[in-house]
PDB file of N, CA and C in Angstrom:
ATOM      1  N   MET A   1     159.904 141.728  70.409  1.00  0.00           N
ATOM      2  CA  MET A   1     159.980 140.365  69.887  1.00  0.00           C
ATOM      3  C   MET A   1     158.961 139.512  70.627  1.00  0.00           C
ATOM      4  N   THR A   2     158.406 138.570  69.938  1.00  0.00           N
ATOM      5  CA  THR A   2     157.370 137.750  70.538  1.00  0.00           C
ATOM      6  C   THR A   2     157.800 136.307  70.771  1.00  0.00           C
ATOM      7  N   TYR A   3     158.316 135.647  69.765  1.00  0.00           N
ATOM      8  CA  TYR A   3     158.772 134.269  69.884  1.00  0.00           C
ATOM      9  C   TYR A   3     160.200 134.163  69.383  1.00  0.00           C
ATOM     10  N   VAL A   4     160.953 133.221  69.961  1.00  0.00           N
ATOM     11  CA  VAL A   4     162.313 132.962  69.491  1.00  0.00           C
ATOM     12  C   VAL A   4     162.538 131.468  69.393  1.00  0.00           C
ATOM     13  N   VAL A   5     163.443 131.098  68.508  1.00  0.00           N
ATOM     14  CA  VAL A   5     163.899 129.719  68.393  1.00  0.00           C
ATOM     15  C   VAL A   5     165.109 129.604  69.319  1.00  0.00           C
ATOM     16  N   THR A   6     165.161 128.537  70.088  1.00  0.00           N
ATOM     17  CA  THR A   6     166.232 128.350  71.061  1.00  0.00           C
ATOM     18  C   THR A   6     167.116 127.156  70.707  1.00  0.00           C
ATOM     19  N   GLU A   7     167.997 126.855  71.612  1.00  0.00           N
ATOM     20  CA  GLU A   7     169.019 125.826  71.441  1.00  0.00           C
ATOM     21  C   GLU A   7     168.484 124.463  71.011  1.00  0.00           C
ATOM     22  N   SER A   8     167.285 124.130  71.413  1.00  0.00           N
ATOM     23  CA  SER A   8     166.732 122.805  71.094  1.00  0.00           C
ATOM     24  C   SER A   8     166.615 122.553  69.597  1.00  0.00           C
ATOM     25  N   CYS A   9     166.587 123.610  68.799  1.00  0.00           N
ATOM     26  CA  CYS A   9     166.497 123.457  67.341  1.00  0.00           C
ATOM     27  C   CYS A   9     167.812 123.016  66.711  1.00  0.00           C
ATOM     28  N   ILE A  10     168.913 123.319  67.381  1.00  0.00           N
ATOM     29  CA  ILE A  10     170.223 122.999  66.805  1.00  0.00           C
ATOM     30  C   ILE A  10     170.345 121.499  66.576  1.00  0.00           C
ATOM     31  N   ARG A  11     170.689 121.135  65.372  1.00  0.00           N
ATOM     32  CA  ARG A  11     170.895 119.764  64.894  1.00  0.00           C
ATOM     33  C   ARG A  11     169.615 118.927  64.851  1.00  0.00           C
ATOM     34  N   THR A  12     168.459 119.557  65.108  1.00  0.00           N
ATOM     35  CA  THR A  12     167.198 118.838  64.892  1.00  0.00           C
ATOM     36  C   THR A  12     166.538 119.407  63.646  1.00  0.00           C
ATOM     37  N   LYS A  13     166.280 120.688  63.642  1.00  0.00           N
ATOM     38  CA  LYS A  13     165.746 121.404  62.472  1.00  0.00           C
ATOM     39  C   LYS A  13     164.643 120.612  61.766  1.00  0.00           C
ATOM     40  N   TYR A  14     163.601 120.266  62.525  1.00  0.00           N
ATOM     41  CA  TYR A  14     162.471 119.511  61.964  1.00  0.00           C
ATOM     42  C   TYR A  14     161.682 120.329  60.936  1.00  0.00           C
ATOM     43  N   MET A  15     161.584 121.608  61.123  1.00  0.00           N
ATOM     44  CA  MET A  15     160.974 122.555  60.185  1.00  0.00           C
ATOM     45  C   MET A  15     159.459 122.481  60.042  1.00  0.00           C
ATOM     46  N   ASP A  16     158.764 121.789  60.925  1.00  0.00           N
ATOM     47  CA  ASP A  16     157.302 121.781  60.873  1.00  0.00           C
ATOM     48  C   ASP A  16     156.736 123.168  61.161  1.00  0.00           C
ATOM     49  N   CYS A  17     157.461 123.955  61.897  1.00  0.00           N
ATOM     50  CA  CYS A  17     157.039 125.323  62.225  1.00  0.00           C
ATOM     51  C   CYS A  17     156.840 126.173  60.968  1.00  0.00           C
ATOM     52  N   ILE A  18     157.631 125.916  59.972  1.00  0.00           N
ATOM     53  CA  ILE A  18     157.571 126.685  58.730  1.00  0.00           C
ATOM     54  C   ILE A  18     156.224 126.493  58.033  1.00  0.00           C
ATOM     55  N   THR A  19     155.690 125.289  58.114  1.00  0.00           N
ATOM     56  CA  THR A  19     154.457 124.975  57.397  1.00  0.00           C
ATOM     57  C   THR A  19     153.227 125.660  57.984  1.00  0.00           C
ATOM     58  N   VAL A  20     153.297 126.118  59.236  1.00  0.00           N
ATOM     59  CA  VAL A  20     152.140 126.753  59.875  1.00  0.00           C
ATOM     60  C   VAL A  20     152.295 128.268  60.036  1.00  0.00           C
ATOM     61  N   CYS A  21     153.439 128.802  59.719  1.00  0.00           N
ATOM     62  CA  CYS A  21     153.681 130.236  59.891  1.00  0.00           C
ATOM     63  C   CYS A  21     152.951 131.027  58.800  1.00  0.00           C
ATOM     64  N   PRO A  22     152.029 131.907  59.190  1.00  0.00           N
ATOM     65  CA  PRO A  22     151.277 132.655  58.184  1.00  0.00           C
ATOM     66  C   PRO A  22     152.038 133.825  57.554  1.00  0.00           C
ATOM     67  N   VAL A  23     153.191 134.174  58.124  1.00  0.00           N
ATOM     68  CA  VAL A  23     153.920 135.341  57.610  1.00  0.00           C
ATOM     69  C   VAL A  23     155.342 135.022  57.151  1.00  0.00           C
ATOM     70  N   ASP A  24     155.703 133.752  57.103  1.00  0.00           N
ATOM     71  CA  ASP A  24     157.024 133.339  56.603  1.00  0.00           C
ATOM     72  C   ASP A  24     158.166 134.083  57.286  1.00  0.00           C
ATOM     73  N   CYS A  25     158.192 134.043  58.608  1.00  0.00           N
ATOM     74  CA  CYS A  25     159.213 134.795  59.344  1.00  0.00           C
ATOM     75  C   CYS A  25     160.390 133.941  59.802  1.00  0.00           C
ATOM     76  N   PHE A  26     160.547 132.739  59.234  1.00  0.00           N
ATOM     77  CA  PHE A  26     161.663 131.865  59.607  1.00  0.00           C
ATOM     78  C   PHE A  26     162.830 132.027  58.639  1.00  0.00           C
ATOM     79  N   TYR A  27     164.025 131.931  59.197  1.00  0.00           N
ATOM     80  CA  TYR A  27     165.265 132.055  58.426  1.00  0.00           C
ATOM     81  C   TYR A  27     166.129 130.868  58.769  1.00  0.00           C
ATOM     82  N   GLU A  28     166.830 130.355  57.751  1.00  0.00           N
ATOM     83  CA  GLU A  28     167.524 129.080  57.903  1.00  0.00           C
ATOM     84  C   GLU A  28     169.031 129.218  57.997  1.00  0.00           C
ATOM     85  N   GLY A  29     169.551 128.651  59.085  1.00  0.00           N
ATOM     86  CA  GLY A  29     170.979 128.501  59.240  1.00  0.00           C
ATOM     87  C   GLY A  29     171.378 127.095  58.860  1.00  0.00           C
ATOM     88  N   GLU A  30     172.650 126.835  58.885  1.00  0.00           N
ATOM     89  CA  GLU A  30     173.171 125.525  58.523  1.00  0.00           C
ATOM     90  C   GLU A  30     172.548 124.401  59.350  1.00  0.00           C
ATOM     91  N   ASN A  31     172.362 124.644  60.664  1.00  0.00           N
ATOM     92  CA  ASN A  31     171.821 123.564  61.486  1.00  0.00           C
ATOM     93  C   ASN A  31     170.715 123.988  62.458  1.00  0.00           C
ATOM     94  N   MET A  32     170.090 125.140  62.194  1.00  0.00           N
ATOM     95  CA  MET A  32     168.933 125.570  62.989  1.00  0.00           C
ATOM     96  C   MET A  32     168.184 126.663  62.250  1.00  0.00           C
ATOM     97  N   LEU A  33     167.042 127.055  62.791  1.00  0.00           N
ATOM     98  CA  LEU A  33     166.234 128.145  62.258  1.00  0.00           C
ATOM     99  C   LEU A  33     166.180 129.273  63.277  1.00  0.00           C
ATOM    100  N   VAL A  34     165.828 130.467  62.811  1.00  0.00           N
ATOM    101  CA  VAL A  34     165.550 131.596  63.701  1.00  0.00           C
ATOM    102  C   VAL A  34     164.297 132.300  63.202  1.00  0.00           C
ATOM    103  N   ILE A  35     163.708 133.116  64.081  1.00  0.00           N
ATOM    104  CA  ILE A  35     162.522 133.904  63.754  1.00  0.00           C
ATOM    105  C   ILE A  35     162.923 135.363  63.639  1.00  0.00           C
ATOM    106  N   ASN A  36     162.451 136.024  62.587  1.00  0.00           N
ATOM    107  CA  ASN A  36     162.701 137.451  62.443  1.00  0.00           C
ATOM    108  C   ASN A  36     161.711 138.207  63.332  1.00  0.00           C
ATOM    109  N   PRO A  37     162.201 138.943  64.334  1.00  0.00           N
ATOM    110  CA  PRO A  37     161.304 139.612  65.266  1.00  0.00           C
ATOM    111  C   PRO A  37     160.477 140.726  64.633  1.00  0.00           C
ATOM    112  N   LEU A  38     160.938 141.255  63.523  1.00  0.00           N
ATOM    113  CA  LEU A  38     160.208 142.324  62.851  1.00  0.00           C
ATOM    114  C   LEU A  38     159.068 141.790  61.991  1.00  0.00           C
ATOM    115  N   GLU A  39     159.067 140.499  61.733  1.00  0.00           N
ATOM    116  CA  GLU A  39     158.051 139.890  60.885  1.00  0.00           C
ATOM    117  C   GLU A  39     157.048 139.031  61.658  1.00  0.00           C
ATOM    118  N   CYS A  40     157.445 138.521  62.811  1.00  0.00           N
ATOM    119  CA  CYS A  40     156.566 137.668  63.614  1.00  0.00           C
ATOM    120  C   CYS A  40     155.355 138.464  64.089  1.00  0.00           C
ATOM    121  N   ILE A  41     154.167 137.865  63.954  1.00  0.00           N
ATOM    122  CA  ILE A  41     152.934 138.556  64.357  1.00  0.00           C
ATOM    123  C   ILE A  41     152.376 138.022  65.681  1.00  0.00           C
ATOM    124  N   ASP A  42     153.161 137.250  66.390  1.00  0.00           N
ATOM    125  CA  ASP A  42     152.796 136.776  67.725  1.00  0.00           C
ATOM    126  C   ASP A  42     151.580 135.847  67.720  1.00  0.00           C
ATOM    127  N   CYS A  43     151.413 135.058  66.658  1.00  0.00           N
ATOM    128  CA  CYS A  43     150.246 134.163  66.594  1.00  0.00           C
ATOM    129  C   CYS A  43     150.463 132.879  67.386  1.00  0.00           C
ATOM    130  N   GLY A  44     151.710 132.448  67.539  1.00  0.00           N
ATOM    131  CA  GLY A  44     152.016 131.252  68.312  1.00  0.00           C
ATOM    132  C   GLY A  44     151.787 129.939  67.613  1.00  0.00           C
ATOM    133  N   ALA A  45     151.410 129.950  66.356  1.00  0.00           N
ATOM    134  CA  ALA A  45     151.139 128.704  65.627  1.00  0.00           C
ATOM    135  C   ALA A  45     152.362 127.790  65.579  1.00  0.00           C
ATOM    136  N   CYS A  46     153.521 128.371  65.533  1.00  0.00           N
ATOM    137  CA  CYS A  46     154.757 127.607  65.413  1.00  0.00           C
ATOM    138  C   CYS A  46     155.090 126.802  66.667  1.00  0.00           C
ATOM    139  N   VAL A  47     154.657 127.270  67.816  1.00  0.00           N
ATOM    140  CA  VAL A  47     155.007 126.629  69.084  1.00  0.00           C
ATOM    141  C   VAL A  47     154.514 125.184  69.123  1.00  0.00           C
ATOM    142  N   ALA A  48     153.259 124.969  68.837  1.00  0.00           N
ATOM    143  CA  ALA A  48     152.691 123.614  68.870  1.00  0.00           C
ATOM    144  C   ALA A  48     153.261 122.726  67.771  1.00  0.00           C
ATOM    145  N   ALA A  49     153.666 123.325  66.665  1.00  0.00           N
ATOM    146  CA  ALA A  49     154.190 122.549  65.540  1.00  0.00           C
ATOM    147  C   ALA A  49     155.629 122.095  65.745  1.00  0.00           C
ATOM    148  N   CYS A  50     156.343 122.710  66.664  1.00  0.00           N
ATOM    149  CA  CYS A  50     157.770 122.427  66.855  1.00  0.00           C
ATOM    150  C   CYS A  50     157.986 121.130  67.636  1.00  0.00           C
ATOM    151  N   LYS A  51     158.476 120.106  66.957  1.00  0.00           N
ATOM    152  CA  LYS A  51     158.713 118.803  67.581  1.00  0.00           C
ATOM    153  C   LYS A  51     159.849 118.844  68.601  1.00  0.00           C
ATOM    154  N   ALA A  52     160.744 119.798  68.459  1.00  0.00           N
ATOM    155  CA  ALA A  52     161.888 119.913  69.371  1.00  0.00           C
ATOM    156  C   ALA A  52     161.579 120.792  70.580  1.00  0.00           C
ATOM    157  N   HIS A  53     160.403 121.377  70.614  1.00  0.00           N
ATOM    158  CA  HIS A  53     160.019 122.304  71.698  1.00  0.00           C
ATOM    159  C   HIS A  53     161.045 123.427  71.820  1.00  0.00           C
ATOM    160  N   ALA A  54     161.461 123.932  70.673  1.00  0.00           N
ATOM    161  CA  ALA A  54     162.532 124.931  70.620  1.00  0.00           C
ATOM    162  C   ALA A  54     162.030 126.361  70.546  1.00  0.00           C
ATOM    163  N   ILE A  55     160.740 126.560  70.361  1.00  0.00           N
ATOM    164  CA  ILE A  55     160.214 127.917  70.191  1.00  0.00           C
ATOM    165  C   ILE A  55     159.524 128.351  71.480  1.00  0.00           C
ATOM    166  N   VAL A  56     159.952 129.502  71.977  1.00  0.00           N
ATOM    167  CA  VAL A  56     159.389 130.009  73.229  1.00  0.00           C
ATOM    168  C   VAL A  56     158.949 131.454  73.079  1.00  0.00           C
ATOM    169  N   LYS A  57     157.981 131.828  73.882  1.00  0.00           N
ATOM    170  CA  LYS A  57     157.486 133.204  73.897  1.00  0.00           C
ATOM    171  C   LYS A  57     158.407 134.045  74.763  1.00  0.00           C
ATOM    172  N   VAL A  58     158.712 135.220  74.283  1.00  0.00           N
ATOM    173  CA  VAL A  58     159.533 136.162  75.041  1.00  0.00           C
ATOM    174  C   VAL A  58     158.597 137.056  75.842  1.00  0.00           C
ATOM    175  N   PRO A  59     158.797 137.150  77.141  1.00  0.00           N
ATOM    176  CA  PRO A  59     157.934 138.018  77.949  1.00  0.00           C
ATOM    177  C   PRO A  59     158.010 139.470  77.483  1.00  0.00           C
ATOM    178  N   LYS A  60     156.879 140.159  77.503  1.00  0.00           N
ATOM    179  CA  LYS A  60     156.867 141.564  77.088  1.00  0.00           C
ATOM    180  C   LYS A  60     157.649 142.433  78.054  1.00  0.00           C
ATOM    181  N   ASP A  61     157.664 142.054  79.311  1.00  0.00           N
ATOM    182  CA  ASP A  61     158.419 142.777  80.318  1.00  0.00           C
ATOM    183  C   ASP A  61     159.869 142.303  80.253  1.00  0.00           C
ATOM    184  N   ALA A  62     160.735 143.130  79.735  1.00  0.00           N
ATOM    185  CA  ALA A  62     162.137 142.754  79.554  1.00  0.00           C
ATOM    186  C   ALA A  62     162.782 142.296  80.859  1.00  0.00           C
ATOM    187  N   ALA A  63     162.349 142.833  81.976  1.00  0.00           N
ATOM    188  CA  ALA A  63     162.924 142.458  83.267  1.00  0.00           C
ATOM    189  C   ALA A  63     162.587 141.014  83.633  1.00  0.00           C
ATOM    190  N   ALA A  64     161.530 140.463  83.022  1.00  0.00           N
ATOM    191  CA  ALA A  64     161.124 139.093  83.342  1.00  0.00           C
ATOM    192  C   ALA A  64     161.949 138.061  82.579  1.00  0.00           C
ATOM    193  N   ALA A  65     162.628 138.479  81.549  1.00  0.00           N
ATOM    194  CA  ALA A  65     163.419 137.549  80.745  1.00  0.00           C
ATOM    195  C   ALA A  65     164.715 137.197  81.474  1.00  0.00           C
ATOM    196  N   ASN A  66     165.154 135.955  81.284  1.00  0.00           N
ATOM    197  CA  ASN A  66     166.421 135.568  81.901  1.00  0.00           C
ATOM    198  C   ASN A  66     167.560 135.750  80.909  1.00  0.00           C
ATOM    199  N   SER A  67     168.783 135.678  81.374  1.00  0.00           N
ATOM    200  CA  SER A  67     169.930 135.962  80.508  1.00  0.00           C
ATOM    201  C   SER A  67     170.061 134.954  79.373  1.00  0.00           C
ATOM    202  N   ALA A  68     169.716 133.692  79.610  1.00  0.00           N
ATOM    203  CA  ALA A  68     169.787 132.694  78.538  1.00  0.00           C
ATOM    204  C   ALA A  68     168.790 133.031  77.434  1.00  0.00           C
ATOM    205  N   LEU A  69     167.603 133.422  77.797  1.00  0.00           N
ATOM    206  CA  LEU A  69     166.602 133.801  76.803  1.00  0.00           C
ATOM    207  C   LEU A  69     167.016 135.084  76.090  1.00  0.00           C
ATOM    208  N   ASP A  70     167.601 136.023  76.823  1.00  0.00           N
ATOM    209  CA  ASP A  70     168.100 137.257  76.202  1.00  0.00           C
ATOM    210  C   ASP A  70     169.090 136.948  75.090  1.00  0.00           C
ATOM    211  N   GLU A  71     169.928 135.952  75.310  1.00  0.00           N
ATOM    212  CA  GLU A  71     170.918 135.571  74.297  1.00  0.00           C
ATOM    213  C   GLU A  71     170.226 135.018  73.053  1.00  0.00           C
ATOM    214  N   TRP A  72     169.159 134.255  73.222  1.00  0.00           N
ATOM    215  CA  TRP A  72     168.430 133.720  72.072  1.00  0.00           C
ATOM    216  C   TRP A  72     167.647 134.808  71.342  1.00  0.00           C
ATOM    217  N   VAL A  73     167.195 135.811  72.069  1.00  0.00           N
ATOM    218  CA  VAL A  73     166.563 136.970  71.437  1.00  0.00           C
ATOM    219  C   VAL A  73     167.585 137.639  70.513  1.00  0.00           C
ATOM    220  N   ARG A  74     168.790 137.826  71.015  1.00  0.00           N
ATOM    221  CA  ARG A  74     169.852 138.451  70.226  1.00  0.00           C
ATOM    222  C   ARG A  74     170.206 137.601  68.998  1.00  0.00           C
ATOM    223  N   ILE A  75     170.357 136.308  69.195  1.00  0.00           N
ATOM    224  CA  ILE A  75     170.726 135.402  68.090  1.00  0.00           C
ATOM    225  C   ILE A  75     169.648 135.411  67.010  1.00  0.00           C
ATOM    226  N   ASN A  76     168.385 135.327  67.396  1.00  0.00           N
ATOM    227  CA  ASN A  76     167.303 135.340  66.408  1.00  0.00           C
ATOM    228  C   ASN A  76     167.317 136.639  65.607  1.00  0.00           C
ATOM    229  N   ALA A  77     167.424 137.769  66.294  1.00  0.00           N
ATOM    230  CA  ALA A  77     167.420 139.066  65.607  1.00  0.00           C
ATOM    231  C   ALA A  77     168.619 139.212  64.679  1.00  0.00           C
ATOM    232  N   GLU A  78     169.781 138.801  65.130  1.00  0.00           N
ATOM    233  CA  GLU A  78     170.996 138.942  64.327  1.00  0.00           C
ATOM    234  C   GLU A  78     170.984 138.042  63.095  1.00  0.00           C
ATOM    235  N   TYR A  79     170.684 136.766  63.291  1.00  0.00           N
ATOM    236  CA  TYR A  79     170.795 135.830  62.171  1.00  0.00           C
ATOM    237  C   TYR A  79     169.608 135.879  61.208  1.00  0.00           C
ATOM    238  N   ALA A  80     168.490 136.428  61.643  1.00  0.00           N
ATOM    239  CA  ALA A  80     167.374 136.633  60.714  1.00  0.00           C
ATOM    240  C   ALA A  80     167.772 137.630  59.628  1.00  0.00           C
ATOM    241  N   LEU A  81     168.738 138.467  59.922  1.00  0.00           N
ATOM    242  CA  LEU A  81     169.227 139.438  58.925  1.00  0.00           C
ATOM    243  C   LEU A  81     170.332 138.863  58.044  1.00  0.00           C
ATOM    244  N   LYS A  82     170.916 137.756  58.450  1.00  0.00           N
ATOM    245  CA  LYS A  82     172.054 137.171  57.727  1.00  0.00           C
ATOM    246  C   LYS A  82     171.695 135.914  56.941  1.00  0.00           C
ATOM    247  N   TRP A  83     170.735 135.162  57.435  1.00  0.00           N
ATOM    248  CA  TRP A  83     170.386 133.885  56.825  1.00  0.00           C
ATOM    249  C   TRP A  83     169.220 134.041  55.858  1.00  0.00           C
ATOM    250  N   PRO A  84     169.094 133.111  54.894  1.00  0.00           N
ATOM    251  CA  PRO A  84     167.991 133.205  53.923  1.00  0.00           C
ATOM    252  C   PRO A  84     166.643 132.812  54.518  1.00  0.00           C
ATOM    253  N   ASN A  85     165.608 133.451  54.006  1.00  0.00           N
ATOM    254  CA  ASN A  85     164.243 133.140  54.396  1.00  0.00           C
ATOM    255  C   ASN A  85     163.897 131.740  53.916  1.00  0.00           C
ATOM    256  N   ILE A  86     163.137 131.018  54.719  1.00  0.00           N
ATOM    257  CA  ILE A  86     162.705 129.678  54.320  1.00  0.00           C
ATOM    258  C   ILE A  86     161.185 129.613  54.466  1.00  0.00           C
ATOM    259  N   THR A  87     160.521 129.215  53.384  1.00  0.00           N
ATOM    260  CA  THR A  87     159.061 129.204  53.368  1.00  0.00           C
ATOM    261  C   THR A  87     158.475 127.812  53.134  1.00  0.00           C
ATOM    262  N   GLU A  88     159.336 126.851  52.866  1.00  0.00           N
ATOM    263  CA  GLU A  88     158.887 125.478  52.657  1.00  0.00           C
ATOM    264  C   GLU A  88     159.738 124.539  53.485  1.00  0.00           C
ATOM    265  N   LYS A  89     159.095 123.530  54.027  1.00  0.00           N
ATOM    266  CA  LYS A  89     159.807 122.551  54.842  1.00  0.00           C
ATOM    267  C   LYS A  89     160.841 121.827  54.005  1.00  0.00           C
ATOM    268  N   GLY A  90     162.048 121.781  54.523  1.00  0.00           N
ATOM    269  CA  GLY A  90     163.128 121.068  53.848  1.00  0.00           C
ATOM    270  C   GLY A  90     163.285 119.680  54.444  1.00  0.00           C
ATOM    271  N   VAL A  91     164.429 119.092  54.204  1.00  0.00           N
ATOM    272  CA  VAL A  91     164.720 117.747  54.685  1.00  0.00           C
ATOM    273  C   VAL A  91     165.269 117.831  56.111  1.00  0.00           C
ATOM    274  N   THR A  92     164.654 117.107  57.004  1.00  0.00           N
ATOM    275  CA  THR A  92     165.118 117.039  58.390  1.00  0.00           C
ATOM    276  C   THR A  92     166.424 116.251  58.431  1.00  0.00           C
ATOM    277  N   PRO A  93     167.405 116.693  59.197  1.00  0.00           N
ATOM    278  CA  PRO A  93     168.654 115.937  59.298  1.00  0.00           C
ATOM    279  C   PRO A  93     168.395 114.489  59.730  1.00  0.00           C
ATOM    280  N   ALA A  94     169.122 113.572  59.158  1.00  0.00           N
ATOM    281  CA  ALA A  94     168.929 112.147  59.434  1.00  0.00           C
ATOM    282  C   ALA A  94     169.144 111.814  60.909  1.00  0.00           C
ATOM    283  N   ASP A  95     170.008 112.557  61.592  1.00  0.00           N
ATOM    284  CA  ASP A  95     170.302 112.275  62.993  1.00  0.00           C
ATOM    285  C   ASP A  95     169.558 113.216  63.957  1.00  0.00           C
ATOM    286  N   ALA A  96     168.504 113.866  63.483  1.00  0.00           N
ATOM    287  CA  ALA A  96     167.768 114.839  64.299  1.00  0.00           C
ATOM    288  C   ALA A  96     167.265 114.244  65.613  1.00  0.00           C
ATOM    289  N   ASP A  97     166.677 113.074  65.567  1.00  0.00           N
ATOM    290  CA  ASP A  97     166.130 112.478  66.786  1.00  0.00           C
ATOM    291  C   ASP A  97     167.222 112.183  67.811  1.00  0.00           C
ATOM    292  N   ALA A  98     168.410 111.860  67.354  1.00  0.00           N
ATOM    293  CA  ALA A  98     169.522 111.583  68.265  1.00  0.00           C
ATOM    294  C   ALA A  98     169.953 112.828  69.026  1.00  0.00           C
ATOM    295  N   HIS A  99     169.711 114.013  68.457  1.00  0.00           N
ATOM    296  CA  HIS A  99     170.115 115.273  69.081  1.00  0.00           C
ATOM    297  C   HIS A  99     168.960 115.999  69.773  1.00  0.00           C
ATOM    298  N   ARG A 100     167.786 115.443  69.697  1.00  0.00           N
ATOM    299  CA  ARG A 100     166.578 116.129  70.190  1.00  0.00           C
ATOM    300  C   ARG A 100     166.656 116.553  71.659  1.00  0.00           C
ATOM    301  N   ASP A 101     167.076 115.681  72.541  1.00  0.00           N
ATOM    302  CA  ASP A 101     167.097 115.980  73.968  1.00  0.00           C
ATOM    303  C   ASP A 101     168.495 116.305  74.492  1.00  0.00           C
ATOM    304  N   GLU A 102     169.410 116.495  73.599  1.00  0.00           N
ATOM    305  CA  GLU A 102     170.784 116.802  73.980  1.00  0.00           C
ATOM    306  C   GLU A 102     170.869 118.202  74.603  1.00  0.00           C
ATOM    307  N   GLU A 103     171.731 118.373  75.566  1.00  0.00           N
ATOM    308  CA  GLU A 103     171.917 119.669  76.223  1.00  0.00           C
ATOM    309  C   GLU A 103     173.224 120.310  75.761  1.00  0.00           C
ATOM    310  N   ARG A 104     173.323 121.615  76.005  1.00  0.00           N
ATOM    311  CA  ARG A 104     174.523 122.391  75.682  1.00  0.00           C
ATOM    312  C   ARG A 104     174.916 122.294  74.207  1.00  0.00           C
ATOM    313  N   LYS A 105     173.920 122.292  73.354  1.00  0.00           N
ATOM    314  CA  LYS A 105     174.184 122.175  71.917  1.00  0.00           C
ATOM    315  C   LYS A 105     174.807 123.434  71.338  1.00  0.00           C
ATOM    316  N   ARG A 106     174.464 124.581  71.870  1.00  0.00           N
ATOM    317  CA  ARG A 106     175.010 125.823  71.320  1.00  0.00           C
ATOM    318  C   ARG A 106     176.533 125.826  71.386  1.00  0.00           C
ATOM    319  N   GLU A 107     177.071 125.426  72.509  1.00  0.00           N
ATOM    320  CA  GLU A 107     178.519 125.411  72.694  1.00  0.00           C
ATOM    321  C   GLU A 107     179.217 124.458  71.726  1.00  0.00           C
ATOM    322  N   ARG A 108     178.580 123.351  71.425  1.00  0.00           N
ATOM    323  CA  ARG A 108     179.218 122.327  70.593  1.00  0.00           C
ATOM    324  C   ARG A 108     178.892 122.423  69.114  1.00  0.00           C
ATOM    325  N   TYR A 109     177.668 122.858  68.772  1.00  0.00           N
ATOM    326  CA  TYR A 109     177.231 122.702  67.389  1.00  0.00           C
ATOM    327  C   TYR A 109     176.761 123.963  66.666  1.00  0.00           C
ATOM    328  N   PHE A 110     176.505 125.047  67.367  1.00  0.00           N
ATOM    329  CA  PHE A 110     175.956 126.213  66.681  1.00  0.00           C
ATOM    330  C   PHE A 110     176.860 126.638  65.530  1.00  0.00           C
ATOM    331  N   SER A 111     176.262 126.900  64.374  1.00  0.00           N
ATOM    332  CA  SER A 111     177.003 127.351  63.203  1.00  0.00           C
ATOM    333  C   SER A 111     176.424 128.685  62.734  1.00  0.00           C
ATOM    334  N   PRO A 112     177.285 129.671  62.487  1.00  0.00           N
ATOM    335  CA  PRO A 112     176.813 130.938  61.950  1.00  0.00           C
ATOM    336  C   PRO A 112     176.570 130.901  60.442  1.00  0.00           C
ATOM    337  N   ASN A 113     176.862 129.772  59.822  1.00  0.00           N
ATOM    338  CA  ASN A 113     176.714 129.640  58.379  1.00  0.00           C
ATOM    339  C   ASN A 113     175.250 129.571  57.970  1.00  0.00           C
ATOM    340  N   PRO A 114     174.915 130.183  56.856  1.00  0.00           N
ATOM    341  CA  PRO A 114     173.532 130.147  56.381  1.00  0.00           C
ATOM    342  C   PRO A 114     173.136 128.781  55.844  1.00  0.00           C
ATOM    343  N   GLY A 115     171.843 128.535  55.847  1.00  0.00           N
ATOM    344  CA  GLY A 115     171.299 127.353  55.212  1.00  0.00           C
ATOM    345  C   GLY A 115     170.999 127.680  53.753  1.00  0.00           C
ATOM    346  N   ARG A 116     170.212 126.826  53.114  1.00  0.00           N
ATOM    347  CA  ARG A 116     169.897 127.028  51.692  1.00  0.00           C
ATOM    348  C   ARG A 116     168.697 127.937  51.475  1.00  0.00           C
ATOM    349  N   GLY A 117     167.816 128.033  52.480  1.00  0.00           N
ATOM    350  CA  GLY A 117     166.608 128.832  52.300  1.00  0.00           C
ATOM    351  C   GLY A 117     165.658 128.134  51.334  1.00  0.00           C
ATOM    352  N   GLY A 118     164.622 128.845  50.971  1.00  0.00           N
ATOM    353  CA  GLY A 118     163.724 128.276  49.977  1.00  0.00           C
ATOM    354  C   GLY A 118     162.288 128.336  50.355  1.00  0.00           C
TER     355      GLY A 118
END
């Protein structure tokens, strides 16, 4: 896996990353996105586009990854298989900016429910 979407995306879901992804490897949940590790080509275009700073590179050396990042690797891989692919930017939640710098969002807001895709 090369890049993963992390907790910062929860309840922000700005979706600018989708517009720059050359391989359409994003999948939409109810309140966040994930990257399919089998489709990502490691270009990094999404990182600069992410207003929430939610996309991070996963170190190639598994020993260098921390346990929190390992959990996001697992979440991205799992939900990319369950949620619909999204290839066009949708509507950003009206309260996205209010949740942008919030901490511990996974515990309070993460939803396993799929988004609409598209």
